[in-house]
Amino acid sequence: MNRLNEMEREIHELKLRVGAALSVDRGDVEAAVGDYLALRGEVSLRWVGEPSVLEELGKSRGHER
């Protein structure tokens, strides 16, 4: 149960980071890209098991086979 709570906290933190990156002014695009890349790296490090990150990304964008 503790691990589940920890994961939920991490997900909440990542959602906040994504929201912040999406609401950035055009002048801060480079910073937003850097934040996105850091977030992507963090998700890739923490994601374990099936399906892969790429498979889930494809599904979320409607690229299901």
N, C-alpha and C. Protein backbone atom coordinates (compact mmCIF):
# COMPACT_ATOMS: atom_id res chain seq x y z
N MET A 1 0.82 -1.19 0.00
CA MET A 1 0.00 0.00 0.00
C MET A 1 0.87 1.26 0.00
N ASN A 2 1.98 1.22 0.73
CA ASN A 2 2.88 2.37 0.75
C ASN A 2 3.44 2.66 -0.64
N ARG A 3 3.78 1.60 -1.36
CA ARG A 3 4.32 1.77 -2.71
C ARG A 3 3.28 2.40 -3.62
N LEU A 4 2.02 1.99 -3.48
CA LEU A 4 0.94 2.57 -4.28
C LEU A 4 0.80 4.06 -4.00
N ASN A 5 0.83 4.43 -2.73
CA ASN A 5 0.74 5.85 -2.36
C ASN A 5 1.92 6.64 -2.92
N GLU A 6 3.10 6.04 -2.85
CA GLU A 6 4.29 6.70 -3.39
C GLU A 6 4.16 6.90 -4.89
N MET A 7 3.66 5.89 -5.60
CA MET A 7 3.49 6.01 -7.04
C MET A 7 2.44 7.06 -7.39
N GLU A 8 1.36 7.12 -6.61
CA GLU A 8 0.33 8.14 -6.86
C GLU A 8 0.89 9.54 -6.65
N ARG A 9 1.73 9.72 -5.64
CA ARG A 9 2.38 11.03 -5.41
C ARG A 9 3.28 11.39 -6.59
N GLU A 10 4.04 10.41 -7.07
CA GLU A 10 4.93 10.65 -8.21
C GLU A 10 4.13 11.02 -9.45
N ILE A 11 3.03 10.32 -9.69
CA ILE A 11 2.18 10.61 -10.85
C ILE A 11 1.62 12.01 -10.73
N HIS A 12 1.17 12.39 -9.54
CA HIS A 12 0.62 13.73 -9.33
C HIS A 12 1.69 14.79 -9.63
N GLU A 13 2.91 14.55 -9.14
CA GLU A 13 4.00 15.50 -9.39
C GLU A 13 4.29 15.61 -10.88
N LEU A 14 4.30 14.49 -11.58
CA LEU A 14 4.56 14.50 -13.02
C LEU A 14 3.45 15.23 -13.77
N LYS A 15 2.19 15.04 -13.35
CA LYS A 15 1.08 15.75 -13.98
C LYS A 15 1.23 17.26 -13.80
N LEU A 16 1.65 17.68 -12.61
CA LEU A 16 1.86 19.10 -12.38
C LEU A 16 2.95 19.65 -13.30
N ARG A 17 4.01 18.87 -13.48
CA ARG A 17 5.10 19.30 -14.35
C ARG A 17 4.64 19.40 -15.80
N VAL A 18 3.82 18.44 -16.23
CA VAL A 18 3.30 18.48 -17.60
C VAL A 18 2.39 19.69 -17.77
N GLY A 19 1.51 19.93 -16.80
CA GLY A 19 0.61 21.09 -16.87
C GLY A 19 1.38 22.38 -16.95
N ALA A 20 2.44 22.48 -16.17
CA ALA A 20 3.27 23.69 -16.20
C ALA A 20 3.94 23.84 -17.56
N ALA A 21 4.41 22.75 -18.12
CA ALA A 21 5.08 22.81 -19.42
C ALA A 21 4.10 23.20 -20.52
N LEU A 22 2.84 22.78 -20.40
CA LEU A 22 1.86 23.08 -21.43
C LEU A 22 1.35 24.52 -21.37
N SER A 23 1.47 25.16 -20.21
CA SER A 23 0.94 26.52 -20.07
C SER A 23 2.02 27.59 -20.22
N VAL A 24 3.11 27.25 -20.81
CA VAL A 24 4.25 28.15 -20.94
C VAL A 24 4.03 29.15 -22.08
N ASP A 25 4.49 30.39 -21.88
CA ASP A 25 4.46 31.39 -22.95
C ASP A 25 5.39 30.97 -24.07
N ARG A 26 5.14 31.52 -25.25
CA ARG A 26 5.97 31.18 -26.41
C ARG A 26 7.44 31.51 -26.17
N GLY A 27 7.73 32.54 -25.38
CA GLY A 27 9.12 32.92 -25.11
C GLY A 27 9.86 31.87 -24.31
N ASP A 28 9.14 30.97 -23.66
CA ASP A 28 9.77 29.95 -22.83
C ASP A 28 9.74 28.57 -23.48
N VAL A 29 9.65 28.53 -24.78
CA VAL A 29 9.53 27.25 -25.49
C VAL A 29 10.75 26.37 -25.22
N GLU A 30 11.93 26.92 -25.24
CA GLU A 30 13.13 26.12 -25.01
C GLU A 30 13.10 25.48 -23.63
N ALA A 31 12.68 26.24 -22.62
CA ALA A 31 12.58 25.70 -21.27
C ALA A 31 11.53 24.60 -21.21
N ALA A 32 10.40 24.80 -21.92
CA ALA A 32 9.33 23.80 -21.94
C ALA A 32 9.82 22.51 -22.60
N VAL A 33 10.58 22.65 -23.68
CA VAL A 33 11.11 21.47 -24.36
C VAL A 33 12.06 20.72 -23.42
N GLY A 34 12.89 21.46 -22.72
CA GLY A 34 13.80 20.83 -21.76
C GLY A 34 13.03 20.11 -20.65
N ASP A 35 11.97 20.74 -20.16
CA ASP A 35 11.13 20.11 -19.13
C ASP A 35 10.48 18.84 -19.67
N TYR A 36 9.98 18.92 -20.91
CA TYR A 36 9.35 17.75 -21.52
C TYR A 36 10.35 16.60 -21.65
N LEU A 37 11.54 16.90 -22.12
CA LEU A 37 12.54 15.86 -22.28
C LEU A 37 12.93 15.24 -20.94
N ALA A 38 13.03 16.07 -19.91
CA ALA A 38 13.32 15.56 -18.58
C ALA A 38 12.19 14.67 -18.09
N LEU A 39 10.96 15.10 -18.31
CA LEU A 39 9.80 14.31 -17.92
C LEU A 39 9.75 12.99 -18.68
N ARG A 40 10.00 13.05 -19.98
CA ARG A 40 10.01 11.83 -20.79
C ARG A 40 11.05 10.85 -20.28
N GLY A 41 12.22 11.37 -19.95
CA GLY A 41 13.27 10.52 -19.41
C GLY A 41 12.88 9.90 -18.08
N GLU A 42 12.23 10.68 -17.24
CA GLU A 42 11.78 10.19 -15.93
C GLU A 42 10.74 9.08 -16.10
N VAL A 43 9.79 9.28 -17.00
CA VAL A 43 8.76 8.26 -17.25
C VAL A 43 9.42 6.99 -17.79
N SER A 44 10.36 7.13 -18.70
CA SER A 44 11.03 5.97 -19.28
C SER A 44 11.80 5.19 -18.22
N LEU A 45 12.41 5.90 -17.27
CA LEU A 45 13.16 5.22 -16.22
C LEU A 45 12.25 4.46 -15.26
N ARG A 46 11.07 5.02 -15.00
CA ARG A 46 10.18 4.42 -14.00
C ARG A 46 9.20 3.41 -14.57
N TRP A 47 8.99 3.40 -15.87
CA TRP A 47 8.01 2.52 -16.49
C TRP A 47 8.59 1.12 -16.56
N VAL A 48 7.88 0.16 -16.00
CA VAL A 48 8.34 -1.23 -16.05
C VAL A 48 7.19 -2.12 -16.51
N GLY A 49 7.53 -3.18 -17.19
CA GLY A 49 6.53 -4.15 -17.60
C GLY A 49 5.87 -3.79 -18.92
N GLU A 50 4.86 -4.59 -19.22
CA GLU A 50 4.10 -4.41 -20.46
C GLU A 50 2.91 -3.53 -20.20
N PRO A 51 2.41 -2.82 -21.15
CA PRO A 51 2.95 -2.54 -22.47
C PRO A 51 4.09 -1.53 -22.38
N SER A 52 4.83 -1.40 -23.45
CA SER A 52 5.95 -0.46 -23.45
C SER A 52 5.43 0.98 -23.51
N VAL A 53 6.30 1.89 -23.19
CA VAL A 53 5.95 3.31 -23.26
C VAL A 53 5.51 3.68 -24.67
N LEU A 54 6.24 3.19 -25.68
CA LEU A 54 5.90 3.52 -27.06
C LEU A 54 4.54 2.97 -27.45
N GLU A 55 4.21 1.76 -26.98
CA GLU A 55 2.90 1.19 -27.29
C GLU A 55 1.78 2.02 -26.67
N GLU A 56 1.96 2.44 -25.43
CA GLU A 56 0.95 3.25 -24.77
C GLU A 56 0.82 4.63 -25.42
N LEU A 57 1.95 5.21 -25.83
CA LEU A 57 1.92 6.49 -26.51
C LEU A 57 1.15 6.37 -27.82
N GLY A 58 1.41 5.31 -28.56
CA GLY A 58 0.69 5.07 -29.81
C GLY A 58 -0.80 4.93 -29.58
N LYS A 59 -1.19 4.20 -28.54
CA LYS A 59 -2.62 4.03 -28.22
C LYS A 59 -3.25 5.37 -27.87
N SER A 60 -2.55 6.16 -27.07
CA SER A 60 -3.11 7.43 -26.65
C SER A 60 -3.31 8.39 -27.82
N ARG A 61 -2.54 8.21 -28.86
CA ARG A 61 -2.65 9.06 -30.05
C ARG A 61 -3.50 8.42 -31.15
N GLY A 62 -4.10 7.27 -30.85
CA GLY A 62 -4.98 6.63 -31.82
C GLY A 62 -4.28 5.84 -32.90
N HIS A 63 -3.06 5.38 -32.60
CA HIS A 63 -2.28 4.61 -33.59
C HIS A 63 -2.36 3.12 -33.35
N GLU A 64 -3.45 2.66 -32.76
CA GLU A 64 -3.57 1.23 -32.47
C GLU A 64 -3.57 0.42 -33.75
N ARG A 65 -3.00 -0.75 -33.67
CA ARG A 65 -2.92 -1.62 -34.85
C ARG A 65 -4.07 -2.57 -34.86
